[in-house]
N, C-alpha and C. Protein backbone atom coordinates (compact mmCIF):
# COMPACT_ATOMS: atom_id res chain seq x y z
N UNK A 1 184.80 -19.55 -23.95
CA UNK A 1 185.22 -18.55 -22.99
C UNK A 1 186.57 -18.92 -22.35
N UNK A 2 186.71 -20.17 -21.95
CA UNK A 2 187.95 -20.63 -21.33
C UNK A 2 189.09 -20.56 -22.33
N UNK A 3 188.81 -20.93 -23.57
CA UNK A 3 189.82 -20.88 -24.62
C UNK A 3 190.29 -19.43 -24.82
N UNK A 4 189.37 -18.49 -24.82
CA UNK A 4 189.70 -17.07 -24.99
C UNK A 4 190.58 -16.58 -23.84
N UNK A 5 190.24 -16.95 -22.60
CA UNK A 5 191.04 -16.55 -21.44
C UNK A 5 192.44 -17.14 -21.50
N UNK A 6 192.56 -18.39 -21.96
CA UNK A 6 193.86 -19.03 -22.07
C UNK A 6 194.72 -18.32 -23.11
N UNK A 7 194.10 -17.93 -24.24
CA UNK A 7 194.84 -17.22 -25.28
C UNK A 7 195.27 -15.85 -24.76
N UNK A 8 194.38 -15.14 -24.05
CA UNK A 8 194.71 -13.82 -23.51
C UNK A 8 195.85 -13.92 -22.48
N UNK A 9 195.79 -14.94 -21.62
CA UNK A 9 196.84 -15.12 -20.61
C UNK A 9 198.18 -15.44 -21.27
N UNK A 10 198.17 -16.30 -22.28
CA UNK A 10 199.39 -16.66 -22.98
C UNK A 10 199.99 -15.46 -23.70
N UNK A 11 199.14 -14.65 -24.33
CA UNK A 11 199.60 -13.45 -25.02
C UNK A 11 200.23 -12.46 -24.04
N UNK A 12 199.58 -12.27 -22.89
CA UNK A 12 200.12 -11.35 -21.87
C UNK A 12 201.46 -11.86 -21.35
N UNK A 13 201.58 -13.16 -21.13
CA UNK A 13 202.82 -13.74 -20.64
C UNK A 13 203.95 -13.55 -21.65
N UNK A 14 203.67 -13.81 -22.92
CA UNK A 14 204.70 -13.70 -23.95
C UNK A 14 205.11 -12.25 -24.18
N UNK A 15 204.17 -11.32 -24.13
CA UNK A 15 204.53 -9.92 -24.35
C UNK A 15 205.32 -9.38 -23.17
N UNK A 16 205.10 -9.89 -21.98
CA UNK A 16 205.87 -9.47 -20.81
C UNK A 16 207.31 -9.92 -20.90
N UNK A 17 207.58 -11.07 -21.49
CA UNK A 17 208.94 -11.57 -21.62
C UNK A 17 209.71 -10.91 -22.75
N UNK A 18 209.02 -10.28 -23.69
CA UNK A 18 209.72 -9.66 -24.81
C UNK A 18 210.53 -8.45 -24.37
N UNK A 19 210.23 -7.92 -23.20
CA UNK A 19 210.94 -6.75 -22.70
C UNK A 19 211.99 -7.12 -21.65
N UNK A 20 212.27 -8.38 -21.49
CA UNK A 20 213.27 -8.81 -20.52
C UNK A 20 214.65 -8.33 -20.96
N UNK A 21 215.48 -7.97 -19.99
CA UNK A 21 216.82 -7.49 -20.29
C UNK A 21 217.73 -8.64 -20.67
N UNK A 22 218.61 -8.37 -21.61
CA UNK A 22 219.64 -9.35 -21.92
C UNK A 22 220.74 -9.21 -20.88
N UNK A 23 221.62 -10.18 -20.81
CA UNK A 23 222.71 -10.15 -19.86
C UNK A 23 223.61 -8.94 -20.10
N UNK A 24 223.86 -8.62 -21.37
CA UNK A 24 224.72 -7.49 -21.70
C UNK A 24 224.08 -6.18 -21.26
N UNK A 25 222.76 -6.02 -21.50
CA UNK A 25 222.08 -4.80 -21.08
C UNK A 25 222.11 -4.64 -19.57
N UNK A 26 221.93 -5.74 -18.85
CA UNK A 26 221.95 -5.68 -17.39
C UNK A 26 223.33 -5.28 -16.89
N UNK A 27 224.40 -5.79 -17.51
CA UNK A 27 225.76 -5.46 -17.09
C UNK A 27 226.09 -4.00 -17.37
N UNK A 28 225.59 -3.47 -18.48
CA UNK A 28 225.91 -2.10 -18.83
C UNK A 28 225.28 -1.10 -17.88
N UNK A 29 224.24 -1.49 -17.16
CA UNK A 29 223.60 -0.59 -16.22
C UNK A 29 224.49 -0.32 -15.01
N UNK A 30 225.23 -1.31 -14.55
CA UNK A 30 226.09 -1.14 -13.40
C UNK A 30 227.41 -0.50 -13.79
N UNK A 31 228.00 0.19 -12.83
CA UNK A 31 229.29 0.81 -13.10
C UNK A 31 230.37 -0.26 -13.19
N UNK A 32 230.42 -1.12 -12.19
CA UNK A 32 231.36 -2.23 -12.19
C UNK A 32 230.57 -3.51 -11.93
N UNK A 33 230.07 -4.15 -12.98
CA UNK A 33 229.26 -5.35 -12.77
C UNK A 33 230.08 -6.47 -12.16
N UNK A 34 229.42 -7.33 -11.41
CA UNK A 34 230.10 -8.46 -10.78
C UNK A 34 230.67 -9.37 -11.86
N UNK A 35 231.92 -9.77 -11.68
CA UNK A 35 232.55 -10.70 -12.60
C UNK A 35 233.29 -10.05 -13.75
N UNK A 36 233.37 -8.73 -13.77
CA UNK A 36 234.07 -8.05 -14.86
C UNK A 36 235.57 -8.28 -14.71
N UNK A 37 236.24 -8.39 -15.84
CA UNK A 37 237.68 -8.64 -15.85
C UNK A 37 238.43 -7.48 -16.44
N UNK A 38 239.67 -7.38 -16.05
CA UNK A 38 240.58 -6.37 -16.58
C UNK A 38 240.73 -6.60 -18.09
N UNK A 39 240.79 -5.52 -18.88
CA UNK A 39 240.95 -5.68 -20.33
C UNK A 39 242.24 -6.40 -20.74
N UNK A 40 243.23 -6.48 -19.85
CA UNK A 40 244.47 -7.18 -20.17
C UNK A 40 244.30 -8.70 -20.16
N UNK A 41 243.27 -9.16 -19.45
CA UNK A 41 243.08 -10.59 -19.27
C UNK A 41 241.95 -11.09 -20.17
N UNK A 42 241.79 -12.37 -20.19
CA UNK A 42 240.75 -12.97 -21.01
C UNK A 42 239.37 -12.66 -20.50
N UNK A 43 238.38 -13.09 -21.27
CA UNK A 43 236.98 -12.82 -20.95
C UNK A 43 236.58 -13.42 -19.60
N UNK A 44 237.18 -14.50 -19.21
CA UNK A 44 236.81 -15.18 -17.98
C UNK A 44 237.69 -14.80 -16.79
N UNK A 45 238.46 -13.73 -16.93
CA UNK A 45 239.25 -13.23 -15.82
C UNK A 45 240.49 -14.03 -15.54
N UNK A 46 241.06 -14.65 -16.54
CA UNK A 46 242.27 -15.42 -16.34
C UNK A 46 243.41 -14.73 -17.07
N UNK A 47 244.43 -14.35 -16.32
CA UNK A 47 245.61 -13.73 -16.92
C UNK A 47 246.70 -14.80 -17.04
N UNK A 48 247.37 -14.83 -18.16
CA UNK A 48 248.46 -15.78 -18.34
C UNK A 48 249.64 -15.42 -17.47
N UNK A 49 249.81 -14.10 -17.23
CA UNK A 49 250.85 -13.66 -16.31
C UNK A 49 250.32 -12.45 -15.55
N UNK A 50 250.85 -12.25 -14.38
CA UNK A 50 250.40 -11.14 -13.55
C UNK A 50 250.74 -9.81 -14.22
N UNK A 51 249.75 -8.93 -14.28
CA UNK A 51 249.95 -7.62 -14.90
C UNK A 51 250.86 -6.75 -14.03
N UNK A 52 251.75 -6.02 -14.65
CA UNK A 52 252.59 -5.08 -13.92
C UNK A 52 251.74 -3.88 -13.51
N UNK A 53 252.19 -3.18 -12.49
CA UNK A 53 251.44 -2.07 -11.93
C UNK A 53 251.06 -1.04 -13.00
N UNK A 54 252.00 -0.62 -13.80
CA UNK A 54 251.74 0.41 -14.81
C UNK A 54 250.72 -0.08 -15.85
N UNK A 55 250.85 -1.34 -16.27
CA UNK A 55 249.90 -1.92 -17.23
C UNK A 55 248.49 -1.97 -16.64
N UNK A 56 248.41 -2.39 -15.40
CA UNK A 56 247.11 -2.51 -14.74
C UNK A 56 246.43 -1.15 -14.59
N UNK A 57 247.20 -0.13 -14.23
CA UNK A 57 246.64 1.21 -14.09
C UNK A 57 246.12 1.71 -15.43
N UNK A 58 246.89 1.53 -16.49
CA UNK A 58 246.45 1.95 -17.82
C UNK A 58 245.19 1.20 -18.26
N UNK A 59 245.13 -0.10 -17.95
CA UNK A 59 243.96 -0.90 -18.32
C UNK A 59 242.71 -0.42 -17.57
N UNK A 60 242.85 -0.12 -16.27
CA UNK A 60 241.72 0.41 -15.51
C UNK A 60 241.25 1.75 -16.08
N UNK A 61 242.21 2.62 -16.36
CA UNK A 61 241.87 3.94 -16.92
C UNK A 61 241.14 3.78 -18.25
N UNK A 62 241.62 2.89 -19.09
CA UNK A 62 240.99 2.67 -20.40
C UNK A 62 239.58 2.11 -20.24
N UNK A 63 239.41 1.13 -19.36
CA UNK A 63 238.11 0.50 -19.15
C UNK A 63 237.06 1.52 -18.73
N UNK A 64 237.41 2.36 -17.77
CA UNK A 64 236.43 3.33 -17.27
C UNK A 64 236.31 4.55 -18.18
N UNK A 65 237.36 4.88 -18.92
CA UNK A 65 237.27 6.00 -19.87
C UNK A 65 236.23 5.70 -20.94
N UNK A 66 236.15 4.44 -21.37
CA UNK A 66 235.15 4.02 -22.35
C UNK A 66 233.74 4.19 -21.82
N UNK A 67 233.58 4.23 -20.50
CA UNK A 67 232.28 4.44 -19.86
C UNK A 67 232.07 5.91 -19.50
N UNK A 68 233.04 6.76 -19.85
CA UNK A 68 232.92 8.19 -19.56
C UNK A 68 233.29 8.55 -18.14
N UNK A 69 234.18 7.78 -17.52
CA UNK A 69 234.57 7.99 -16.13
C UNK A 69 236.08 8.12 -16.01
N UNK A 70 236.52 8.64 -14.88
CA UNK A 70 237.94 8.75 -14.60
C UNK A 70 238.29 7.91 -13.38
N UNK A 71 239.56 7.54 -13.29
CA UNK A 71 240.05 6.67 -12.22
C UNK A 71 241.17 7.37 -11.47
N UNK A 72 241.12 7.27 -10.14
CA UNK A 72 242.20 7.78 -9.28
C UNK A 72 242.66 6.61 -8.42
N UNK A 73 243.93 6.23 -8.56
CA UNK A 73 244.49 5.13 -7.78
C UNK A 73 244.70 5.62 -6.34
N UNK A 74 244.18 4.87 -5.39
CA UNK A 74 244.30 5.27 -3.98
C UNK A 74 245.28 4.42 -3.19
N UNK A 75 245.47 3.16 -3.61
CA UNK A 75 246.35 2.29 -2.83
C UNK A 75 246.84 1.13 -3.69
N UNK A 76 248.07 0.71 -3.43
CA UNK A 76 248.60 -0.51 -4.03
C UNK A 76 249.15 -1.34 -2.89
N UNK A 77 248.66 -2.56 -2.80
CA UNK A 77 249.11 -3.44 -1.74
C UNK A 77 249.28 -4.84 -2.31
N UNK A 78 250.53 -5.27 -2.43
CA UNK A 78 250.80 -6.58 -3.02
C UNK A 78 250.33 -6.63 -4.46
N UNK A 79 249.50 -7.60 -4.77
CA UNK A 79 249.00 -7.74 -6.13
C UNK A 79 247.70 -6.99 -6.37
N UNK A 80 247.23 -6.22 -5.39
CA UNK A 80 245.96 -5.51 -5.47
C UNK A 80 246.14 -4.01 -5.66
N UNK A 81 245.27 -3.43 -6.48
CA UNK A 81 245.25 -1.99 -6.70
C UNK A 81 243.84 -1.51 -6.36
N UNK A 82 243.76 -0.54 -5.47
CA UNK A 82 242.47 0.05 -5.12
C UNK A 82 242.35 1.39 -5.82
N UNK A 83 241.16 1.66 -6.36
CA UNK A 83 240.97 2.90 -7.10
C UNK A 83 239.57 3.45 -6.88
N UNK A 84 239.46 4.78 -6.94
CA UNK A 84 238.17 5.45 -6.91
C UNK A 84 237.79 5.78 -8.35
N UNK A 85 236.53 5.57 -8.67
CA UNK A 85 236.01 5.84 -10.01
C UNK A 85 235.06 7.03 -9.91
N UNK A 86 235.32 8.05 -10.72
CA UNK A 86 234.53 9.27 -10.69
C UNK A 86 233.78 9.47 -11.99
N UNK A 87 232.56 9.96 -11.84
CA UNK A 87 231.76 10.37 -13.00
C UNK A 87 231.31 11.79 -12.74
N UNK A 88 231.77 12.71 -13.57
CA UNK A 88 231.44 14.13 -13.42
C UNK A 88 231.81 14.65 -12.02
N UNK A 89 232.99 14.35 -11.57
CA UNK A 89 233.56 14.79 -10.29
C UNK A 89 232.86 14.21 -9.06
N UNK A 90 231.94 13.26 -9.26
CA UNK A 90 231.28 12.58 -8.15
C UNK A 90 231.81 11.15 -8.05
N UNK A 91 232.07 10.70 -6.81
CA UNK A 91 232.53 9.33 -6.61
C UNK A 91 231.41 8.38 -7.02
N UNK A 92 231.68 7.56 -8.01
CA UNK A 92 230.68 6.63 -8.53
C UNK A 92 230.90 5.21 -8.02
N UNK A 93 232.16 4.85 -7.78
CA UNK A 93 232.48 3.49 -7.35
C UNK A 93 233.88 3.46 -6.77
N UNK A 94 234.14 2.47 -5.97
CA UNK A 94 235.48 2.19 -5.45
C UNK A 94 235.75 0.74 -5.78
N UNK A 95 236.86 0.48 -6.46
CA UNK A 95 237.13 -0.87 -6.96
C UNK A 95 238.50 -1.36 -6.52
N UNK A 96 238.63 -2.69 -6.57
CA UNK A 96 239.92 -3.35 -6.33
C UNK A 96 240.19 -4.21 -7.55
N UNK A 97 241.38 -4.08 -8.10
CA UNK A 97 241.83 -4.91 -9.21
C UNK A 97 242.85 -5.89 -8.67
N UNK A 98 242.61 -7.16 -8.91
CA UNK A 98 243.55 -8.21 -8.57
C UNK A 98 244.42 -8.42 -9.81
N UNK A 99 245.66 -7.99 -9.74
CA UNK A 99 246.55 -8.05 -10.91
C UNK A 99 246.87 -9.48 -11.34
N UNK A 100 246.74 -10.43 -10.43
CA UNK A 100 247.05 -11.82 -10.76
C UNK A 100 245.92 -12.48 -11.53
N UNK A 101 244.67 -12.27 -11.10
CA UNK A 101 243.53 -12.92 -11.76
C UNK A 101 242.86 -12.02 -12.79
N UNK A 102 243.05 -10.70 -12.67
CA UNK A 102 242.43 -9.76 -13.60
C UNK A 102 241.03 -9.35 -13.21
N UNK A 103 240.54 -9.80 -12.07
CA UNK A 103 239.17 -9.48 -11.64
C UNK A 103 239.11 -8.08 -11.05
N UNK A 104 238.05 -7.36 -11.42
CA UNK A 104 237.78 -6.05 -10.86
C UNK A 104 236.54 -6.19 -10.00
N UNK A 105 236.64 -5.81 -8.73
CA UNK A 105 235.53 -5.93 -7.79
C UNK A 105 235.18 -4.56 -7.21
N UNK A 106 233.89 -4.29 -7.15
CA UNK A 106 233.42 -3.07 -6.52
C UNK A 106 233.44 -3.27 -5.01
N UNK A 107 233.95 -2.29 -4.28
CA UNK A 107 233.95 -2.37 -2.81
C UNK A 107 233.22 -1.19 -2.21
N UNK A 108 232.49 -0.46 -3.02
CA UNK A 108 231.79 0.74 -2.58
C UNK A 108 230.45 0.40 -2.01
């Protein structure tokens, strides 16, 4: 009886973990996941040189266009660009891009 309960518990535990989300699936659920980098920079958010304003705007537009969203730039201050992200005419997120590091942060 104890052996049967142990096998049943182990089976339930293992089947529960088979549906766990991968890191990629979890990131795709969010509009702007924490730690996402500008497409101009490397995977770890390191830019070899600071992106110019026009390059950074195009990169933001491309990144969100691939997700089916549009970007409206609201402010540029120093090395930072603030933008509103819209999905179907609804504000979905507000982000800041650091042109020096390439990091995109949600501030919404």
